[in-house]
Amino acid sequence: MDDLPIPQPNPLRTVPNLLSMLRICLAPFLVAAILEDRYALSLGLFVAAGLTDALDGTFARILNQRTMLGQYLDPVADKLLLSTLFLVLMYKGLIPATVTVLVFGRDVGILLVAAILYAAAGRREFVPSHFGKINTLIQVSAVFAVLLRQLTTARWVVDFRQLALAGTIVLTIVSGFHYAWVGSRRTGAPAAHSGSTA
């Protein structure tokens, strides 16, 4: 009797992907809380979203539930949440427009480079660089500091906010150029069949 094939789990039902989708679902509640000036709630929801980001990767390794969907869903959830928050915080006058424009410009540029890689070389993978990962961490820190600043005027919070926003500007520019440079080198490299987005 032939061995029956082992059924593959539905990628939409794996713990890491459920956590990523939860992070996406938190975005509208975060936006509503900020628009209503409920900054304590906003900060709590943002911390909860950050925990889902930390836990999805951990569960993917522990439960061996890495999926192709997850490789795309996780960074998409991060980009959607952060980009939305930068936009709404700019609307509220809590983040300078320059910072938000740079963040959006970088993300659009990365999407264009990824599209060029796919069109020119058939490459679907676009592995995040160390600069990109640090940039995401700095962006998270900036949003956290901006929300925290609405709850306290402590000097260290004011300084932390300024430092995080300045770091966001620098790392957004550096990581953007780095992705463009990596993309230009990969257009001539052989295509691979798996990977993740930036």
N, C-alpha and C. Protein backbone atom coordinates (compact mmCIF):
# COMPACT_ATOMS: atom_id res chain seq x y z
N MET A 1 0.85 -1.19 0.00
CA MET A 1 0.00 0.00 0.00
C MET A 1 0.88 1.24 0.00
N ASP A 2 0.60 2.15 -0.91
CA ASP A 2 1.41 3.36 -1.01
C ASP A 2 1.17 4.26 0.19
N ASP A 3 2.25 4.90 0.57
CA ASP A 3 2.12 5.85 1.66
C ASP A 3 1.25 7.02 1.21
N LEU A 4 0.31 7.39 2.06
CA LEU A 4 -0.53 8.53 1.74
C LEU A 4 0.27 9.82 1.92
N PRO A 5 0.05 10.83 1.07
CA PRO A 5 0.77 12.09 1.21
C PRO A 5 0.38 12.79 2.51
N ILE A 6 1.36 13.38 3.14
CA ILE A 6 1.11 14.11 4.38
C ILE A 6 0.39 15.41 4.05
N PRO A 7 -0.79 15.63 4.61
CA PRO A 7 -1.52 16.86 4.30
C PRO A 7 -0.77 18.09 4.79
N GLN A 8 -0.73 19.12 3.95
CA GLN A 8 -0.05 20.35 4.31
C GLN A 8 -1.03 21.27 5.03
N PRO A 9 -0.57 21.93 6.10
CA PRO A 9 -1.47 22.82 6.83
C PRO A 9 -1.87 24.02 5.99
N ASN A 10 -3.08 24.49 6.20
CA ASN A 10 -3.55 25.70 5.53
C ASN A 10 -2.71 26.88 6.01
N PRO A 11 -1.98 27.56 5.10
CA PRO A 11 -1.10 28.64 5.55
C PRO A 11 -1.84 29.77 6.25
N LEU A 12 -3.13 29.92 5.95
CA LEU A 12 -3.92 30.97 6.60
C LEU A 12 -4.23 30.63 8.05
N ARG A 13 -4.02 29.38 8.44
CA ARG A 13 -4.35 28.96 9.80
C ARG A 13 -3.13 28.71 10.67
N THR A 14 -1.95 28.97 10.15
CA THR A 14 -0.76 28.80 10.98
C THR A 14 -0.68 29.96 11.97
N VAL A 15 -0.11 29.69 13.13
CA VAL A 15 -0.03 30.70 14.19
C VAL A 15 0.70 31.97 13.73
N PRO A 16 1.88 31.86 13.09
CA PRO A 16 2.56 33.09 12.67
C PRO A 16 1.74 33.95 11.72
N ASN A 17 1.06 33.31 10.76
CA ASN A 17 0.27 34.08 9.80
C ASN A 17 -0.97 34.68 10.44
N LEU A 18 -1.55 33.97 11.40
CA LEU A 18 -2.69 34.53 12.14
C LEU A 18 -2.26 35.77 12.93
N LEU A 19 -1.06 35.73 13.49
CA LEU A 19 -0.55 36.89 14.22
C LEU A 19 -0.30 38.06 13.27
N SER A 20 0.22 37.77 12.09
CA SER A 20 0.44 38.84 11.11
C SER A 20 -0.88 39.47 10.68
N MET A 21 -1.90 38.63 10.47
CA MET A 21 -3.21 39.17 10.09
C MET A 21 -3.84 39.96 11.23
N LEU A 22 -3.59 39.52 12.47
CA LEU A 22 -4.06 40.28 13.62
C LEU A 22 -3.44 41.67 13.64
N ARG A 23 -2.15 41.74 13.29
CA ARG A 23 -1.46 43.03 13.25
C ARG A 23 -2.10 43.95 12.21
N ILE A 24 -2.48 43.39 11.07
CA ILE A 24 -3.17 44.18 10.04
C ILE A 24 -4.52 44.66 10.56
N CYS A 25 -5.24 43.79 11.27
CA CYS A 25 -6.56 44.14 11.79
C CYS A 25 -6.50 45.22 12.87
N LEU A 26 -5.36 45.33 13.55
CA LEU A 26 -5.21 46.35 14.60
C LEU A 26 -5.06 47.75 14.01
N ALA A 27 -4.64 47.85 12.75
CA ALA A 27 -4.34 49.15 12.15
C ALA A 27 -5.52 50.12 12.21
N PRO A 28 -6.74 49.75 11.78
CA PRO A 28 -7.84 50.72 11.83
C PRO A 28 -8.20 51.16 13.24
N PHE A 29 -8.06 50.26 14.22
CA PHE A 29 -8.35 50.63 15.60
C PHE A 29 -7.32 51.63 16.13
N LEU A 30 -6.07 51.42 15.72
CA LEU A 30 -5.01 52.35 16.09
C LEU A 30 -5.26 53.73 15.49
N VAL A 31 -5.61 53.75 14.23
CA VAL A 31 -5.88 55.01 13.55
C VAL A 31 -7.04 55.74 14.23
N ALA A 32 -8.12 55.02 14.53
CA ALA A 32 -9.28 55.63 15.17
C ALA A 32 -8.91 56.20 16.54
N ALA A 33 -8.10 55.47 17.30
CA ALA A 33 -7.71 55.93 18.63
C ALA A 33 -6.87 57.21 18.54
N ILE A 34 -5.97 57.28 17.57
CA ILE A 34 -5.14 58.48 17.40
C ILE A 34 -5.99 59.66 16.97
N LEU A 35 -6.90 59.45 16.03
CA LEU A 35 -7.76 60.53 15.55
C LEU A 35 -8.65 61.08 16.66
N GLU A 36 -8.97 60.22 17.63
CA GLU A 36 -9.81 60.64 18.76
C GLU A 36 -8.97 61.11 19.95
N ASP A 37 -7.64 61.25 19.74
CA ASP A 37 -6.73 61.72 20.79
C ASP A 37 -6.70 60.80 22.01
N ARG A 38 -6.92 59.54 21.81
CA ARG A 38 -6.86 58.57 22.91
C ARG A 38 -5.48 57.91 22.86
N TYR A 39 -4.50 58.64 23.33
CA TYR A 39 -3.11 58.22 23.13
C TYR A 39 -2.68 57.08 24.05
N ALA A 40 -3.28 56.96 25.21
CA ALA A 40 -2.97 55.82 26.06
C ALA A 40 -3.42 54.52 25.39
N LEU A 41 -4.62 54.56 24.83
CA LEU A 41 -5.12 53.39 24.10
C LEU A 41 -4.28 53.14 22.86
N SER A 42 -3.91 54.21 22.17
CA SER A 42 -3.08 54.07 20.97
C SER A 42 -1.76 53.40 21.29
N LEU A 43 -1.14 53.83 22.38
CA LEU A 43 0.15 53.25 22.77
C LEU A 43 -0.01 51.78 23.13
N GLY A 44 -1.08 51.45 23.84
CA GLY A 44 -1.32 50.05 24.20
C GLY A 44 -1.53 49.17 22.98
N LEU A 45 -2.31 49.66 22.02
CA LEU A 45 -2.55 48.90 20.80
C LEU A 45 -1.27 48.75 19.98
N PHE A 46 -0.45 49.80 19.98
CA PHE A 46 0.80 49.73 19.22
C PHE A 46 1.76 48.73 19.85
N VAL A 47 1.82 48.70 21.17
CA VAL A 47 2.66 47.70 21.85
C VAL A 47 2.15 46.29 21.55
N ALA A 48 0.82 46.12 21.55
CA ALA A 48 0.25 44.81 21.23
C ALA A 48 0.61 44.39 19.81
N ALA A 49 0.57 45.35 18.88
CA ALA A 49 0.96 45.04 17.49
C ALA A 49 2.42 44.66 17.42
N GLY A 50 3.26 45.35 18.19
CA GLY A 50 4.68 45.02 18.23
C GLY A 50 4.93 43.62 18.77
N LEU A 51 4.12 43.21 19.75
CA LEU A 51 4.27 41.86 20.30
C LEU A 51 3.91 40.80 19.27
N THR A 52 2.87 41.06 18.47
CA THR A 52 2.53 40.09 17.42
C THR A 52 3.66 39.97 16.41
N ASP A 53 4.35 41.08 16.15
CA ASP A 53 5.47 41.05 15.21
C ASP A 53 6.62 40.22 15.76
N ALA A 54 6.87 40.36 17.06
CA ALA A 54 7.95 39.60 17.68
C ALA A 54 7.60 38.11 17.78
N LEU A 55 6.33 37.84 18.06
CA LEU A 55 5.93 36.46 18.30
C LEU A 55 5.76 35.65 17.02
N ASP A 56 5.38 36.31 15.91
CA ASP A 56 5.14 35.50 14.71
C ASP A 56 6.41 34.82 14.22
N GLY A 57 7.54 35.54 14.26
CA GLY A 57 8.80 34.92 13.88
C GLY A 57 9.23 33.83 14.83
N THR A 58 8.99 34.06 16.12
CA THR A 58 9.34 33.07 17.14
C THR A 58 8.55 31.78 16.95
N PHE A 59 7.24 31.93 16.75
CA PHE A 59 6.39 30.75 16.56
C PHE A 59 6.71 30.03 15.25
N ALA A 60 7.08 30.80 14.23
CA ALA A 60 7.43 30.18 12.95
C ALA A 60 8.61 29.24 13.12
N ARG A 61 9.58 29.65 13.95
CA ARG A 61 10.75 28.79 14.18
C ARG A 61 10.42 27.64 15.11
N ILE A 62 9.74 27.93 16.22
CA ILE A 62 9.46 26.89 17.21
C ILE A 62 8.53 25.81 16.66
N LEU A 63 7.47 26.25 15.95
CA LEU A 63 6.47 25.31 15.43
C LEU A 63 6.79 24.83 14.02
N ASN A 64 7.92 25.31 13.46
CA ASN A 64 8.30 24.95 12.10
C ASN A 64 7.15 25.23 11.12
N GLN A 65 6.63 26.45 11.21
CA GLN A 65 5.49 26.84 10.38
C GLN A 65 5.86 27.97 9.42
N ARG A 66 7.04 27.88 8.85
CA ARG A 66 7.43 28.87 7.84
C ARG A 66 6.69 28.56 6.54
N THR A 67 6.05 29.56 5.98
CA THR A 67 5.32 29.38 4.73
C THR A 67 5.68 30.50 3.77
N MET A 68 5.46 30.25 2.48
CA MET A 68 5.69 31.29 1.49
C MET A 68 4.78 32.48 1.75
N LEU A 69 3.52 32.20 2.12
CA LEU A 69 2.59 33.29 2.45
C LEU A 69 3.15 34.14 3.58
N GLY A 70 3.70 33.49 4.60
CA GLY A 70 4.22 34.21 5.74
C GLY A 70 5.39 35.10 5.39
N GLN A 71 6.21 34.65 4.43
CA GLN A 71 7.37 35.45 4.03
C GLN A 71 6.94 36.77 3.40
N TYR A 72 5.76 36.79 2.81
CA TYR A 72 5.24 38.02 2.23
C TYR A 72 4.32 38.77 3.19
N LEU A 73 3.52 38.01 3.96
CA LEU A 73 2.52 38.62 4.83
C LEU A 73 3.15 39.41 5.96
N ASP A 74 4.21 38.90 6.55
CA ASP A 74 4.84 39.58 7.69
C ASP A 74 5.34 40.97 7.33
N PRO A 75 6.18 41.12 6.30
CA PRO A 75 6.63 42.48 5.96
C PRO A 75 5.51 43.37 5.45
N VAL A 76 4.51 42.80 4.77
CA VAL A 76 3.37 43.60 4.31
C VAL A 76 2.61 44.15 5.51
N ALA A 77 2.42 43.32 6.54
CA ALA A 77 1.74 43.78 7.75
C ALA A 77 2.52 44.91 8.41
N ASP A 78 3.84 44.77 8.46
CA ASP A 78 4.69 45.81 9.04
C ASP A 78 4.56 47.12 8.26
N LYS A 79 4.68 47.03 6.94
CA LYS A 79 4.63 48.22 6.10
C LYS A 79 3.28 48.90 6.19
N LEU A 80 2.21 48.10 6.15
CA LEU A 80 0.87 48.66 6.21
C LEU A 80 0.65 49.40 7.52
N LEU A 81 1.04 48.77 8.62
CA LEU A 81 0.84 49.38 9.93
C LEU A 81 1.66 50.65 10.09
N LEU A 82 2.96 50.56 9.80
CA LEU A 82 3.84 51.71 10.00
C LEU A 82 3.51 52.86 9.05
N SER A 83 3.28 52.55 7.78
CA SER A 83 2.98 53.61 6.82
C SER A 83 1.68 54.32 7.19
N THR A 84 0.68 53.55 7.62
CA THR A 84 -0.58 54.15 8.03
C THR A 84 -0.39 55.05 9.23
N LEU A 85 0.40 54.60 10.19
CA LEU A 85 0.62 55.39 11.40
C LEU A 85 1.41 56.66 11.11
N PHE A 86 2.42 56.58 10.25
CA PHE A 86 3.16 57.78 9.89
C PHE A 86 2.23 58.80 9.23
N LEU A 87 1.33 58.29 8.40
CA LEU A 87 0.42 59.18 7.69
C LEU A 87 -0.55 59.88 8.66
N VAL A 88 -1.15 59.09 9.56
CA VAL A 88 -2.13 59.68 10.47
C VAL A 88 -1.46 60.59 11.50
N LEU A 89 -0.24 60.25 11.93
CA LEU A 89 0.48 61.10 12.87
C LEU A 89 0.91 62.40 12.20
N MET A 90 1.22 62.34 10.91
CA MET A 90 1.51 63.57 10.17
C MET A 90 0.25 64.43 10.09
N TYR A 91 -0.88 63.79 9.82
CA TYR A 91 -2.16 64.51 9.74
C TYR A 91 -2.47 65.22 11.05
N LYS A 92 -2.12 64.57 12.17
CA LYS A 92 -2.36 65.17 13.48
C LYS A 92 -1.29 66.18 13.87
N GLY A 93 -0.28 66.36 13.02
CA GLY A 93 0.78 67.31 13.31
C GLY A 93 1.79 66.83 14.32
N LEU A 94 1.87 65.51 14.52
CA LEU A 94 2.77 64.95 15.53
C LEU A 94 4.09 64.45 14.93
N ILE A 95 4.12 64.28 13.62
CA ILE A 95 5.35 63.88 12.92
C ILE A 95 5.54 64.84 11.75
N PRO A 96 6.76 65.35 11.54
CA PRO A 96 7.00 66.26 10.41
C PRO A 96 6.67 65.59 9.08
N ALA A 97 6.14 66.39 8.15
CA ALA A 97 5.78 65.86 6.83
C ALA A 97 7.00 65.29 6.12
N THR A 98 8.17 65.87 6.34
CA THR A 98 9.39 65.39 5.68
C THR A 98 9.66 63.93 6.01
N VAL A 99 9.47 63.57 7.27
CA VAL A 99 9.71 62.18 7.69
C VAL A 99 8.75 61.23 7.00
N THR A 100 7.47 61.59 7.00
CA THR A 100 6.46 60.73 6.37
C THR A 100 6.70 60.59 4.88
N VAL A 101 7.03 61.68 4.21
CA VAL A 101 7.29 61.63 2.77
C VAL A 101 8.47 60.71 2.47
N LEU A 102 9.52 60.79 3.28
CA LEU A 102 10.68 59.93 3.07
C LEU A 102 10.32 58.45 3.27
N VAL A 103 9.54 58.17 4.32
CA VAL A 103 9.15 56.79 4.59
C VAL A 103 8.33 56.23 3.43
N PHE A 104 7.34 57.01 2.96
CA PHE A 104 6.52 56.56 1.84
C PHE A 104 7.34 56.45 0.56
N GLY A 105 8.21 57.43 0.32
CA GLY A 105 9.04 57.41 -0.89
C GLY A 105 9.94 56.19 -0.94
N ARG A 106 10.53 55.84 0.19
CA ARG A 106 11.40 54.66 0.25
C ARG A 106 10.61 53.39 -0.06
N ASP A 107 9.43 53.25 0.56
CA ASP A 107 8.64 52.05 0.35
C ASP A 107 8.17 51.92 -1.10
N VAL A 108 7.77 53.04 -1.69
CA VAL A 108 7.37 53.01 -3.09
C VAL A 108 8.58 52.64 -3.97
N GLY A 109 9.75 53.19 -3.64
CA GLY A 109 10.95 52.87 -4.39
C GLY A 109 11.30 51.40 -4.32
N ILE A 110 11.15 50.81 -3.13
CA ILE A 110 11.44 49.38 -2.97
C ILE A 110 10.48 48.55 -3.81
N LEU A 111 9.21 48.94 -3.81
CA LEU A 111 8.23 48.22 -4.63
C LEU A 111 8.59 48.30 -6.11
N LEU A 112 9.06 49.46 -6.55
CA LEU A 112 9.46 49.61 -7.96
C LEU A 112 10.67 48.74 -8.29
N VAL A 113 11.65 48.72 -7.37
CA VAL A 113 12.83 47.89 -7.60
C VAL A 113 12.44 46.42 -7.64
N ALA A 114 11.54 46.00 -6.73
CA ALA A 114 11.09 44.61 -6.72
C ALA A 114 10.37 44.27 -8.03
N ALA A 115 9.57 45.22 -8.53
CA ALA A 115 8.87 44.99 -9.80
C ALA A 115 9.86 44.88 -10.96
N ILE A 116 10.90 45.71 -10.94
CA ILE A 116 11.92 45.66 -11.99
C ILE A 116 12.67 44.33 -11.94
N LEU A 117 13.00 43.88 -10.72
CA LEU A 117 13.69 42.59 -10.57
C LEU A 117 12.85 41.45 -11.15
N TYR A 118 11.55 41.51 -10.87
CA TYR A 118 10.67 40.44 -11.37
C TYR A 118 10.55 40.50 -12.89
N ALA A 119 10.40 41.73 -13.43
CA ALA A 119 10.23 41.88 -14.87
C ALA A 119 11.51 41.57 -15.63
N ALA A 120 12.66 41.98 -15.09
CA ALA A 120 13.92 41.84 -15.81
C ALA A 120 14.57 40.47 -15.62
N ALA A 121 14.42 39.90 -14.42
CA ALA A 121 15.14 38.66 -14.14
C ALA A 121 14.25 37.55 -13.59
N GLY A 122 12.96 37.80 -13.47
CA GLY A 122 12.06 36.78 -12.96
C GLY A 122 12.28 36.46 -11.50
N ARG A 123 12.88 37.41 -10.76
CA ARG A 123 13.16 37.16 -9.35
C ARG A 123 11.99 37.63 -8.50
N ARG A 124 11.52 36.72 -7.63
CA ARG A 124 10.42 37.07 -6.74
C ARG A 124 10.92 37.35 -5.33
N GLU A 125 12.12 36.96 -4.99
CA GLU A 125 12.61 37.17 -3.64
C GLU A 125 13.30 38.51 -3.54
N PHE A 126 13.15 39.12 -2.39
CA PHE A 126 13.79 40.40 -2.13
C PHE A 126 14.08 40.44 -0.64
N VAL A 127 15.16 39.78 -0.23
CA VAL A 127 15.44 39.55 1.18
C VAL A 127 15.77 40.86 1.88
N PRO A 128 15.16 41.11 3.05
CA PRO A 128 15.45 42.35 3.77
C PRO A 128 16.93 42.43 4.15
N SER A 129 17.50 43.61 4.01
CA SER A 129 18.89 43.82 4.39
C SER A 129 18.97 44.18 5.87
N HIS A 130 20.19 44.19 6.40
CA HIS A 130 20.38 44.61 7.79
C HIS A 130 19.97 46.07 7.95
N PHE A 131 20.26 46.89 6.94
CA PHE A 131 19.85 48.29 7.00
C PHE A 131 18.33 48.39 7.07
N GLY A 132 17.64 47.57 6.29
CA GLY A 132 16.19 47.60 6.28
C GLY A 132 15.60 47.18 7.62
N LYS A 133 16.19 46.15 8.23
CA LYS A 133 15.70 45.69 9.53
C LYS A 133 15.93 46.75 10.61
N ILE A 134 17.10 47.38 10.57
CA ILE A 134 17.38 48.44 11.55
C ILE A 134 16.45 49.62 11.32
N ASN A 135 16.19 49.93 10.04
CA ASN A 135 15.29 51.03 9.73
C ASN A 135 13.88 50.78 10.26
N THR A 136 13.40 49.54 10.12
CA THR A 136 12.09 49.20 10.66
C THR A 136 12.07 49.38 12.17
N LEU A 137 13.13 48.94 12.84
CA LEU A 137 13.22 49.09 14.29
C LEU A 137 13.20 50.56 14.70
N ILE A 138 13.92 51.39 13.95
CA ILE A 138 13.95 52.83 14.25
C ILE A 138 12.58 53.46 14.01
N GLN A 139 11.89 53.04 12.94
CA GLN A 139 10.55 53.56 12.68
C GLN A 139 9.59 53.18 13.79
N VAL A 140 9.67 51.95 14.26
CA VAL A 140 8.84 51.51 15.38
C VAL A 140 9.14 52.36 16.62
N SER A 141 10.43 52.60 16.87
CA SER A 141 10.83 53.41 18.02
C SER A 141 10.29 54.83 17.90
N ALA A 142 10.31 55.37 16.66
CA ALA A 142 9.83 56.73 16.44
C ALA A 142 8.34 56.85 16.73
N VAL A 143 7.55 55.90 16.23
CA VAL A 143 6.11 55.92 16.48
C VAL A 143 5.84 55.77 17.98
N PHE A 144 6.54 54.85 18.61
CA PHE A 144 6.39 54.64 20.05
C PHE A 144 6.70 55.93 20.82
N ALA A 145 7.81 56.59 20.47
CA ALA A 145 8.22 57.81 21.17
C ALA A 145 7.22 58.94 20.95
N VAL A 146 6.70 59.06 19.73
CA VAL A 146 5.72 60.11 19.43
C VAL A 146 4.45 59.91 20.24
N LEU A 147 3.97 58.67 20.32
CA LEU A 147 2.77 58.39 21.11
C LEU A 147 3.02 58.60 22.60
N LEU A 148 4.18 58.16 23.06
CA LEU A 148 4.52 58.32 24.48
C LEU A 148 4.64 59.80 24.85
N ARG A 149 5.13 60.60 23.90
CA ARG A 149 5.29 62.05 24.16
C ARG A 149 3.94 62.71 24.43
N GLN A 150 2.87 62.16 23.91
CA GLN A 150 1.54 62.72 24.15
C GLN A 150 1.03 62.42 25.56
N LEU A 151 1.73 61.52 26.25
CA LEU A 151 1.32 61.14 27.61
C LEU A 151 2.22 61.73 28.69
N THR A 152 3.41 62.15 28.31
CA THR A 152 4.34 62.69 29.28
C THR A 152 5.27 63.70 28.62
N THR A 153 5.70 64.66 29.42
CA THR A 153 6.66 65.66 28.93
C THR A 153 8.04 65.44 29.53
N ALA A 154 8.28 64.22 30.03
CA ALA A 154 9.59 63.92 30.62
C ALA A 154 10.70 64.21 29.61
N ARG A 155 11.80 64.76 30.10
CA ARG A 155 12.88 65.18 29.21
C ARG A 155 13.43 64.03 28.38
N TRP A 156 13.56 62.86 28.98
CA TRP A 156 14.14 61.74 28.24
C TRP A 156 13.22 61.31 27.09
N VAL A 157 11.90 61.46 27.29
CA VAL A 157 10.95 61.12 26.23
C VAL A 157 11.07 62.11 25.07
N VAL A 158 11.20 63.40 25.40
CA VAL A 158 11.37 64.43 24.37
C VAL A 158 12.64 64.17 23.57
N ASP A 159 13.73 63.88 24.29
CA ASP A 159 15.00 63.60 23.61
C ASP A 159 14.92 62.32 22.77
N PHE A 160 14.27 61.31 23.32
CA PHE A 160 14.12 60.03 22.62
C PHE A 160 13.32 60.22 21.33
N ARG A 161 12.28 61.04 21.39
CA ARG A 161 11.46 61.31 20.20
C ARG A 161 12.31 61.98 19.12
N GLN A 162 13.07 62.99 19.51
CA GLN A 162 13.90 63.70 18.53
C GLN A 162 14.94 62.78 17.91
N LEU A 163 15.57 61.97 18.75
CA LEU A 163 16.60 61.05 18.27
C LEU A 163 16.01 60.00 17.33
N ALA A 164 14.83 59.47 17.69
CA ALA A 164 14.20 58.43 16.87
C ALA A 164 13.77 58.99 15.51
N LEU A 165 13.25 60.21 15.49
CA LEU A 165 12.83 60.81 14.23
C LEU A 165 14.05 61.12 13.34
N ALA A 166 15.12 61.61 13.96
CA ALA A 166 16.34 61.87 13.19
C ALA A 166 16.92 60.57 12.65
N GLY A 167 16.90 59.53 13.48
CA GLY A 167 17.38 58.23 13.03
C GLY A 167 16.54 57.66 11.90
N THR A 168 15.23 57.91 11.95
CA THR A 168 14.34 57.45 10.89
C THR A 168 14.71 58.10 9.56
N ILE A 169 14.99 59.40 9.59
CA ILE A 169 15.38 60.10 8.36
C ILE A 169 16.66 59.50 7.78
N VAL A 170 17.67 59.33 8.63
CA VAL A 170 18.97 58.84 8.16
C VAL A 170 18.86 57.40 7.65
N LEU A 171 18.24 56.51 8.44
CA LEU A 171 18.16 55.10 8.05
C LEU A 171 17.24 54.89 6.85
N THR A 172 16.20 55.72 6.72
CA THR A 172 15.31 55.60 5.56
C THR A 172 16.08 55.89 4.28
N ILE A 173 16.90 56.93 4.30
CA ILE A 173 17.69 57.29 3.12
C ILE A 173 18.75 56.22 2.84
N VAL A 174 19.49 55.83 3.87
CA VAL A 174 20.57 54.85 3.70
C VAL A 174 20.03 53.52 3.21
N SER A 175 18.97 53.01 3.86
CA SER A 175 18.44 51.70 3.48
C SER A 175 17.80 51.76 2.10
N GLY A 176 17.20 52.90 1.75
CA GLY A 176 16.62 53.05 0.42
C GLY A 176 17.66 52.95 -0.67
N PHE A 177 18.77 53.67 -0.50
CA PHE A 177 19.85 53.58 -1.48
C PHE A 177 20.48 52.19 -1.51
N HIS A 178 20.56 51.56 -0.35
CA HIS A 178 21.14 50.22 -0.29
C HIS A 178 20.29 49.22 -1.06
N TYR A 179 18.96 49.28 -0.89
CA TYR A 179 18.08 48.40 -1.64
C TYR A 179 18.21 48.63 -3.14
N ALA A 180 18.31 49.91 -3.52
CA ALA A 180 18.45 50.22 -4.95
C ALA A 180 19.76 49.65 -5.49
N TRP A 181 20.83 49.74 -4.72
CA TRP A 181 22.13 49.20 -5.15
C TRP A 181 22.08 47.68 -5.26
N VAL A 182 21.47 47.03 -4.24
CA VAL A 182 21.35 45.57 -4.29
C VAL A 182 20.49 45.15 -5.47
N GLY A 183 19.40 45.90 -5.70
CA GLY A 183 18.53 45.57 -6.82
C GLY A 183 19.23 45.67 -8.16
N SER A 184 20.08 46.70 -8.32
CA SER A 184 20.80 46.86 -9.59
C SER A 184 21.78 45.72 -9.82
N ARG A 185 22.34 45.16 -8.76
CA ARG A 185 23.26 44.04 -8.90
C ARG A 185 22.52 42.74 -9.20
N ARG A 186 21.31 42.61 -8.68
CA ARG A 186 20.57 41.35 -8.84
C ARG A 186 19.91 41.22 -10.21
N THR A 187 19.77 42.30 -10.93
CA THR A 187 19.11 42.20 -12.24
C THR A 187 19.87 41.29 -13.19
N GLY A 188 21.18 41.13 -12.95
CA GLY A 188 21.96 40.26 -13.82
C GLY A 188 22.22 38.90 -13.24
N ALA A 189 21.67 38.64 -12.02
CA ALA A 189 21.91 37.36 -11.36
C ALA A 189 20.82 36.37 -11.72
N PRO A 190 21.10 35.05 -11.61
CA PRO A 190 20.09 34.03 -11.93
C PRO A 190 18.89 34.14 -11.02
N ALA A 191 17.72 33.85 -11.53
CA ALA A 191 16.50 33.93 -10.75
C ALA A 191 16.41 32.76 -9.78
N ALA A 192 15.79 33.01 -8.62
CA ALA A 192 15.51 31.98 -7.62
C ALA A 192 14.01 31.82 -7.51
N HIS A 193 13.58 30.82 -6.79
CA HIS A 193 12.17 30.50 -6.77
C HIS A 193 11.47 30.84 -5.47
N SER A 194 12.19 31.27 -4.46
CA SER A 194 11.52 31.59 -3.21
C SER A 194 12.27 32.71 -2.53
N GLY A 195 11.60 33.26 -1.50
CA GLY A 195 12.23 34.34 -0.74
C GLY A 195 11.17 35.20 -0.13
N SER A 196 11.53 36.45 0.16
CA SER A 196 10.58 37.33 0.82
C SER A 196 10.71 38.73 0.28
N THR A 197 9.77 39.57 0.67
CA THR A 197 9.79 40.95 0.26
C THR A 197 10.64 41.78 1.19
N ALA A 198 10.87 43.05 0.83
CA ALA A 198 11.69 43.92 1.66
C ALA A 198 10.95 44.37 2.88
